[in-house]
Protein backbone atom coordinates (compact mmCIF):
# COMPACT_ATOMS: atom_id res chain seq x y z
CA MET A 1 57.94 91.67 112.73
CA ASP A 2 57.82 88.37 110.80
CA SER A 3 60.61 85.65 110.90
CA HIS A 4 61.95 86.67 107.55
CA SER A 5 62.41 90.31 108.57
CA SER A 6 64.01 89.15 111.97
CA LEU A 7 66.51 87.20 109.65
CA ALA A 8 67.37 89.98 107.77
CA PHE A 9 68.23 92.44 110.42
CA ILE A 10 70.45 89.37 111.86
CA LYS A 11 72.34 89.45 108.70
CA LEU A 12 72.53 93.20 108.56
CA ALA A 13 73.97 93.07 112.10
CA LEU A 14 76.69 90.51 111.29
CA LEU A 15 77.31 92.65 108.12
CA PHE A 16 77.98 95.93 110.02
CA VAL A 17 80.29 93.90 112.39
CA PHE A 18 82.06 92.55 109.65
CA MET A 19 82.53 95.79 107.96
CA PHE A 20 83.91 97.46 111.22
CA PHE A 21 86.69 94.39 111.61
CA VAL A 22 87.64 94.56 107.89
CA SER A 23 88.01 98.13 107.94
CA SER A 24 89.98 98.08 111.20
CA GLY A 25 92.29 95.37 109.81
CA PHE A 26 92.96 97.37 106.48
CA LYS A 27 93.77 100.50 108.45
CA ARG A 28 96.53 98.73 110.24
CA PHE A 29 98.28 98.20 106.84
CA GLY A 30 97.43 101.81 105.48
CA ILE A 31 94.84 100.96 103.22
CA PRO A 32 91.96 103.28 102.90
CA THR A 33 88.71 102.39 104.36
CA ILE A 34 87.05 102.80 100.89
CA ILE A 35 88.64 99.69 99.77
CA SER A 36 87.42 97.76 102.63
CA PHE A 37 83.68 98.86 102.33
CA LEU A 38 83.96 98.08 98.21
CA LEU A 39 85.64 94.56 99.17
CA VAL A 40 82.66 93.82 101.82
CA GLY A 41 80.23 94.94 99.18
CA PHE A 42 81.50 92.05 96.93
CA LEU A 43 81.54 89.46 99.61
CA ALA A 44 78.08 90.39 100.82
CA LYS A 45 76.69 88.75 97.73
CA ILE A 46 77.40 85.64 99.08
CA PHE A 47 74.76 85.73 102.10
CA LEU A 48 72.67 88.77 101.47
CA GLY A 49 69.76 89.23 99.16
CA GLU A 50 68.12 92.07 97.64
CA GLU A 51 65.36 91.44 100.10
CA ASP A 52 67.78 92.04 103.04
CA VAL A 53 69.43 94.91 101.93
CA HIS A 54 66.32 97.15 101.08
CA TYR A 55 66.06 97.80 104.66
CA ILE A 56 69.43 99.93 104.41
CA VAL A 57 68.70 101.45 100.99
CA PHE A 58 68.01 104.71 102.51
CA PHE A 59 71.44 105.20 104.00
CA LYS A 60 72.81 105.20 100.14
CA GLU A 61 70.78 108.00 99.03
CA LEU A 62 71.59 109.83 102.34
CA GLY A 63 75.28 108.90 102.02
CA ILE A 64 75.86 111.07 98.92
CA ILE A 65 74.09 114.06 100.26
CA LEU A 66 76.09 113.99 103.58
CA LEU A 67 79.17 113.68 101.89
CA PHE A 68 78.69 116.61 99.94
CA PHE A 69 77.28 118.63 102.69
CA PHE A 70 80.52 118.06 104.85
CA ILE A 71 82.57 118.72 101.98
CA GLY A 72 80.81 122.48 101.82
CA LEU A 73 81.30 122.66 105.47
CA GLU A 74 85.28 123.08 104.87
CA TYR A 75 84.55 125.95 102.57
CA THR A 76 83.14 129.68 102.78
CA PHE A 77 82.25 131.84 100.01
CA GLU A 78 85.18 133.79 100.82
CA ARG A 79 87.47 131.11 100.49
CA LEU A 80 85.92 130.12 97.21
CA LYS A 81 86.63 133.23 96.07
CA ASN A 82 90.33 133.01 97.03
CA MET A 83 90.69 130.01 95.00
CA PHE A 84 91.83 132.00 92.10
CA PHE A 85 95.36 131.37 92.96
CA ILE A 86 95.18 127.84 91.93
CA TRP A 87 93.83 128.30 88.74
CA LYS A 88 97.01 127.16 86.54
CA PRO A 89 97.62 123.77 88.58
CA GLY A 90 93.85 122.95 88.47
CA VAL A 91 93.43 123.58 84.67
CA VAL A 92 96.59 121.57 84.14
CA ASP A 93 95.27 119.00 86.28
CA PHE A 94 91.82 118.89 84.16
CA ALA A 95 93.52 119.01 81.11
CA LEU A 96 95.69 116.10 81.44
CA ASN A 97 93.36 113.63 83.17
CA PHE A 98 89.94 114.44 81.58
CA ILE A 99 90.50 115.22 77.87
CA PRO A 100 92.93 111.93 77.27
CA ALA A 101 90.48 109.68 79.29
CA PHE A 102 87.58 110.75 76.94
CA LEU A 103 89.46 110.40 73.86
CA LEU A 104 90.73 106.91 75.19
CA GLY A 105 87.07 106.03 75.59
CA LEU A 106 86.19 107.00 72.06
CA LEU A 107 89.22 105.15 70.89
CA PHE A 108 88.10 101.63 72.45
CA GLY A 109 84.46 102.18 70.98
CA LEU A 110 82.52 103.96 73.98
CA ASN A 111 80.19 106.12 72.64
CA PRO A 112 80.50 110.18 73.35
CA ILE A 113 78.26 110.10 76.62
CA THR A 114 79.76 106.89 78.25
CA SER A 115 83.50 108.32 77.33
CA LEU A 116 82.27 111.58 78.97
CA ILE A 117 81.23 109.90 82.07
CA LEU A 118 84.36 107.77 81.97
CA ALA A 119 86.49 110.83 81.87
CA SER A 120 84.77 112.30 84.88
CA VAL A 121 85.54 109.18 86.70
CA PHE A 122 89.27 109.24 85.72
CA TYR A 123 89.55 112.55 86.52
CA PRO A 124 89.26 113.59 90.31
CA THR A 125 91.71 112.42 93.06
CA SER A 126 89.84 111.31 96.11
CA THR A 127 89.68 114.01 98.71
CA SER A 128 88.86 111.77 101.49
CA ILE A 129 91.81 109.48 100.73
CA THR A 130 94.30 112.35 100.32
CA ALA A 131 93.19 114.26 103.33
CA LYS A 132 93.47 110.94 105.38
CA LEU A 133 97.03 110.29 104.03
CA LEU A 134 98.25 113.88 104.73
CA THR A 135 96.94 113.36 108.23
CA ASP A 136 98.27 109.80 108.88
CA PHE A 137 101.74 110.43 107.69
CA LYS A 138 102.02 114.03 109.34
CA ARG A 139 102.50 115.70 105.96
CA LEU A 140 99.83 118.59 106.39
CA ALA A 141 102.56 120.96 107.20
CA SER A 142 104.94 120.10 104.35
CA PRO A 143 105.30 122.43 101.18
CA GLU A 144 103.06 120.26 99.06
CA ALA A 145 99.94 120.04 101.34
CA GLU A 146 98.78 123.59 100.19
CA LEU A 147 98.98 122.79 96.64
CA LEU A 148 97.38 119.46 97.01
CA ILE A 149 94.65 120.80 99.03
CA GLY A 150 93.96 123.44 96.55
CA ILE A 151 93.87 121.14 93.80
CA LEU A 152 91.46 119.01 95.47
CA ILE A 153 89.18 121.98 95.98
CA PHE A 154 89.30 122.84 92.37
CA GLU A 155 88.53 119.24 91.54
CA ASP A 156 85.53 119.18 94.31
CA LEU A 157 84.28 122.32 92.23
CA MET A 158 84.49 120.77 88.98
CA ALA A 159 83.41 117.59 90.15
CA ILE A 160 79.97 119.00 91.21
CA ILE A 161 79.60 120.99 88.13
CA ILE A 162 80.18 117.80 86.04
CA LEU A 163 77.76 115.95 88.20
CA SER A 164 75.21 118.80 87.76
CA LEU A 165 75.36 118.53 84.10
CA LEU A 166 75.60 114.82 83.90
CA VAL A 167 72.10 114.13 84.99
CA PRO A 168 70.33 115.73 82.23
CA LEU A 169 73.05 114.53 79.94
CA LYS A 170 72.23 110.98 80.74
CA GLU A 171 68.53 111.32 81.17
CA ILE A 172 67.97 112.74 77.58
CA GLY A 173 70.96 111.20 75.55
CA GLY A 174 72.46 114.44 74.87
CA LEU A 175 73.20 118.00 75.78
CA GLN A 176 71.70 120.49 73.59
CA PHE A 177 72.65 124.40 73.42
CA GLU A 178 69.55 125.62 75.05
CA MET A 179 69.54 122.81 77.68
CA PHE A 180 73.15 123.88 78.47
CA PHE A 181 72.29 127.32 78.94
CA THR A 182 68.97 126.53 81.11
CA ILE A 183 71.30 124.76 83.32
CA LEU A 184 73.98 127.34 83.51
CA ALA A 185 70.95 129.97 84.21
CA LYS A 186 69.38 127.43 87.09
CA LEU A 187 73.13 127.30 88.51
CA LEU A 188 73.80 131.14 88.66
CA ILE A 189 70.27 131.49 90.30
CA VAL A 190 70.88 129.18 92.81
CA LEU A 191 74.35 130.80 93.76
CA ALA A 192 72.86 134.26 93.70
CA VAL A 193 70.16 132.79 96.10
CA PHE A 194 72.68 131.41 98.52
CA TYR A 195 75.32 134.11 98.27
CA ALA A 196 72.41 136.44 99.27
CA LEU A 197 71.38 134.29 102.27
CA TYR A 198 74.99 134.25 103.24
CA ARG A 199 75.46 138.24 102.92
CA PHE A 200 72.18 139.58 104.20
CA VAL A 201 70.33 136.85 106.13
CA LEU A 202 72.68 134.65 108.15
CA PRO A 203 74.15 137.50 110.06
CA ARG A 204 70.88 138.52 111.20
CA ILE A 205 70.29 134.97 112.57
CA ASN A 206 73.51 133.67 113.65
CA SER A 207 72.94 134.31 117.20
CA TRP A 208 69.55 132.41 117.08
CA LEU A 209 71.40 129.46 115.36
CA ASN A 210 74.15 129.12 117.72
CA ALA A 211 71.63 128.98 120.45
CA ILE A 212 69.27 126.47 119.01
CA SER A 213 72.22 124.26 117.93
CA GLU A 214 72.69 123.36 121.57
CA ASP A 215 69.23 121.73 121.68
CA GLU A 216 69.20 117.72 121.94
CA SER A 217 66.55 117.89 119.05
CA PHE A 218 68.71 120.27 116.57
CA SER A 219 69.86 117.09 114.87
CA PHE A 220 66.20 116.57 113.51
CA LEU A 221 66.38 120.42 111.90
CA VAL A 222 69.54 119.64 110.30
CA ILE A 223 68.81 116.07 108.57
CA GLY A 224 65.44 117.78 107.72
CA PHE A 225 67.12 120.80 105.90
CA ILE A 226 69.80 118.75 104.15
CA MET A 227 67.21 116.42 102.67
CA LEU A 228 64.67 119.03 101.96
CA VAL A 229 67.51 121.13 100.14
CA GLY A 230 69.35 117.88 98.29
CA PHE A 231 66.06 116.46 97.24
CA SER A 232 64.20 120.07 96.18
CA PHE A 233 67.58 120.66 93.78
CA LYS A 234 66.93 117.11 92.17
CA GLU A 235 63.20 118.14 91.39
CA PHE A 236 64.68 121.24 90.09
CA GLY A 237 66.65 119.50 87.66
CA ILE A 238 70.08 120.07 89.49
CA SER A 239 72.22 117.50 91.24
CA GLU A 240 71.24 116.89 94.67
CA ALA A 241 74.90 117.03 95.87
CA LEU A 242 75.28 120.58 94.65
CA GLY A 243 72.34 121.54 96.85
CA ALA A 244 73.86 119.68 99.95
CA PHE A 245 77.41 121.15 99.13
CA LEU A 246 76.17 125.09 99.25
CA LEU A 247 74.21 124.39 102.37
CA GLY A 248 77.42 123.18 103.92
CA VAL A 249 79.01 126.26 102.47
CA LEU A 250 76.20 128.33 103.90
CA VAL A 251 76.96 127.36 107.60
CA PRO A 252 78.65 129.87 109.44
CA GLU A 253 81.98 129.25 111.21
CA SER A 254 80.59 129.33 114.65
CA ARG A 255 79.54 127.08 117.41
CA ILE A 256 76.38 125.59 114.86
CA LYS A 257 79.39 124.26 112.59
CA GLU A 258 81.20 122.74 115.52
CA ASN A 259 77.79 121.14 116.82
CA ILE A 260 76.85 119.75 113.49
CA GLU A 261 80.41 118.25 112.93
CA ARG A 262 80.40 116.81 116.37
CA GLN A 263 76.51 115.48 116.20
CA PHE A 264 76.60 114.18 112.70
CA PHE A 265 80.35 112.91 112.07
CA SER A 266 79.24 109.04 112.87
CA LEU A 267 76.19 109.13 110.90
CA LYS A 268 78.01 110.82 107.79
CA GLU A 269 80.88 107.86 108.10
CA PHE A 270 78.11 105.21 108.42
CA SER A 271 76.34 106.59 105.42
CA ILE A 272 79.09 106.77 103.14
CA GLY A 273 80.25 103.33 104.19
CA ILE A 274 76.71 101.91 103.12
CA PHE A 275 77.15 104.22 99.94
CA PHE A 276 80.37 102.30 98.82
CA PHE A 277 78.81 99.15 100.08
CA PHE A 278 76.05 99.27 97.70
CA PHE A 279 78.30 100.44 94.74
CA ALA A 280 80.18 97.18 94.98
CA TYR A 281 77.26 94.85 95.95
CA GLU A 282 74.94 96.07 93.01
CA ILE A 283 77.67 95.11 90.34
CA PRO A 284 77.56 91.70 89.05
CA LEU A 285 80.74 89.48 89.63
CA SER A 286 82.03 88.96 86.03
CA ILE A 287 85.37 89.75 84.33
CA PRO A 288 85.24 92.92 82.11
CA LYS A 289 84.78 92.39 78.50
CA ASN A 290 88.01 94.07 77.63
CA PRO A 291 90.49 93.38 80.59
CA ILE A 292 93.49 94.97 78.26
CA PHE A 293 91.36 98.36 78.37
CA VAL A 294 90.81 98.04 82.13
CA ILE A 295 94.77 97.39 82.80
CA LEU A 296 95.65 100.50 80.37
CA LEU A 297 92.93 102.47 82.29
CA ILE A 298 94.71 101.74 85.40
CA LEU A 299 98.22 102.31 84.21
CA PHE A 300 97.23 105.42 82.63
CA GLY A 301 95.33 106.86 85.48
CA ILE A 302 98.54 106.56 87.72
CA ILE A 303 101.05 107.80 84.87
CA SER A 304 98.76 110.93 84.02
CA LYS A 305 98.09 112.03 87.51
CA ILE A 306 101.88 111.92 88.52
CA ILE A 307 102.72 113.93 85.16
CA SER A 308 99.97 116.51 85.58
CA THR A 309 100.79 117.00 89.30
CA TYR A 310 104.28 117.21 88.56
CA ILE A 311 103.69 120.03 85.76
CA SER A 312 101.50 121.81 88.28
CA ALA A 313 103.72 121.79 91.07
CA TYR A 314 106.03 123.55 88.47
CA PHE A 315 103.63 126.18 87.90
CA TYR A 316 103.14 126.58 91.66
CA GLY A 317 106.93 127.45 91.85
CA MET A 318 108.10 124.14 93.78
CA LYS A 319 111.72 122.89 93.48
CA LYS A 320 112.46 119.75 91.76
CA LYS A 321 112.38 117.13 94.89
CA ALA A 322 109.27 118.78 96.04
CA ARG A 323 107.67 118.39 92.73
CA LEU A 324 108.40 114.53 92.75
CA ARG A 325 107.10 114.21 96.19
CA THR A 326 104.03 115.96 95.29
CA ALA A 327 103.46 114.07 92.06
CA LEU A 328 103.81 110.82 93.65
CA SER A 329 101.28 111.95 96.48
CA PHE A 330 98.17 112.47 94.04
CA VAL A 331 97.15 109.18 92.53
CA PRO A 332 94.27 107.48 94.39
CA ARG A 333 90.75 108.00 92.87
CA GLY A 334 87.74 107.53 95.47
CA GLU A 335 84.55 109.02 96.44
CA PHE A 336 83.78 111.12 93.26
CA SER A 337 84.69 108.48 91.08
CA VAL A 338 82.25 105.94 92.61
CA ILE A 339 79.57 108.67 92.53
CA LEU A 340 80.04 109.68 89.09
CA SER A 341 80.45 106.02 87.67
CA SER A 342 77.06 105.11 88.93
CA PHE A 343 75.39 106.93 85.94
CA ASP A 344 76.26 104.16 83.56
CA PRO A 345 76.68 100.28 83.85
CA THR A 346 79.44 99.92 81.31
CA VAL A 347 81.59 102.55 83.35
CA LYS A 348 80.64 101.14 86.73
CA MET A 349 82.14 97.83 85.74
CA LEU A 350 85.24 99.38 84.52
CA SER A 351 85.59 101.70 87.45
CA ILE A 352 85.79 99.07 90.14
CA PRO A 353 89.20 97.66 89.20
CA PHE A 354 90.26 101.25 88.35
CA ILE A 355 89.21 102.60 91.62
CA PHE A 356 90.98 99.77 93.57
CA GLY A 357 93.89 99.86 91.71
CA THR A 358 94.59 103.70 91.76
CA ALA A 359 93.59 103.68 95.57
CA LEU A 360 96.11 100.85 96.40
CA VAL A 361 98.83 101.96 94.38
CA GLY A 362 98.37 105.67 95.25
CA ALA A 363 98.45 105.08 99.14
CA LEU A 364 101.64 103.09 98.33
CA LEU A 365 103.29 105.90 96.18
CA PHE A 366 102.07 108.30 98.84
CA ALA A 367 103.96 106.34 101.80
CA LEU A 368 107.24 106.02 99.66
CA ALA A 369 107.04 109.50 98.09
CA PRO A 370 109.42 111.20 100.78
CA ARG A 371 111.83 108.35 100.34
CA LEU A 372 111.78 108.03 96.60
CA ALA A 373 112.32 111.88 96.35
CA ASN A 374 115.42 111.64 98.40
CA ILE A 375 116.71 108.95 96.12
CA VAL A 376 116.30 110.65 93.01
CA TYR A 377 117.34 114.14 94.42
CA PRO A 378 119.89 113.45 97.37
CA LYS A 379 120.25 116.23 99.96
CA SER A 380 123.81 117.00 98.44
CA LYS A 381 122.20 118.12 95.29
CA ARG A 382 120.61 121.65 95.12
CA VAL A 383 117.70 121.26 93.58
């Protein structure tokens, strides 16, 4: 190893130490870790060059795949089928956040594809931030938790579908009907294959999988399969995120799932952190060309989520106080917005202040939501 490589690794070592202290410091103030990783990505431009960070680029690619694989671990095919009860709130959430953002992009002169990517970034609430806030503020047992988690699942599935469509859309500059039906056919074939594996193959090998999951070298098999499925999907013309997600869904709820979560939790957190770091690191430091549009985007992103979630809570049958508390708890954007914005440099520039703004304001609103709901609807009033 030459002296330049040694110096690069020393810089990376200091980077990891710095990421820990920034993330740990942010947590004390209730600020999501995603914000700390993005901030470090900006600051790292000062002392890290491209020749230094190329040693960890692999983890940027791995981060996306592991993120979707672990999201898939939270679901089963039965649970996905039982998501029908959430379709009304899910459609309201999509219609009031995706469509207006697309029209807003067109209004400010963006082309249709860029506007579509912008709407995709604008739409989904952060699963990781919301789940973390529900846990940190001990609201998992609250009436709104089930609705919020249900809409998050709906958004996760929609984001994966959007991601699968955006890949060919961006590559060819448009989506023809023939290509749309080709992609749809591929998705249906893939879903059928994975469902067949889930129904007919896994029950026969479940005991064997549980046994080998105790092996010390089991992690090599899991990483190999995650990468094989993810990048095979990419070669097949489908998002690698969908492949990783379905592979996670395929994992049975038994010892193998527990062992995977235990063995790979740290690697997942590390890879996701590196992904968010690179997202900010690769964006040039400059003021957006249209700051008014950015400010409008942030304000609209906060207001539209509050309104759409309030209406969703109404359809879900919640009372007024619970609706308001729920609506104020669903603002932060995060990991899906970061991933989807990487398809377009223009959107990527706009998304950084948007994600920062909605995540910070959203975390604050989440913390204040019960108190604000009590002020608006005092206990003496029956609402």
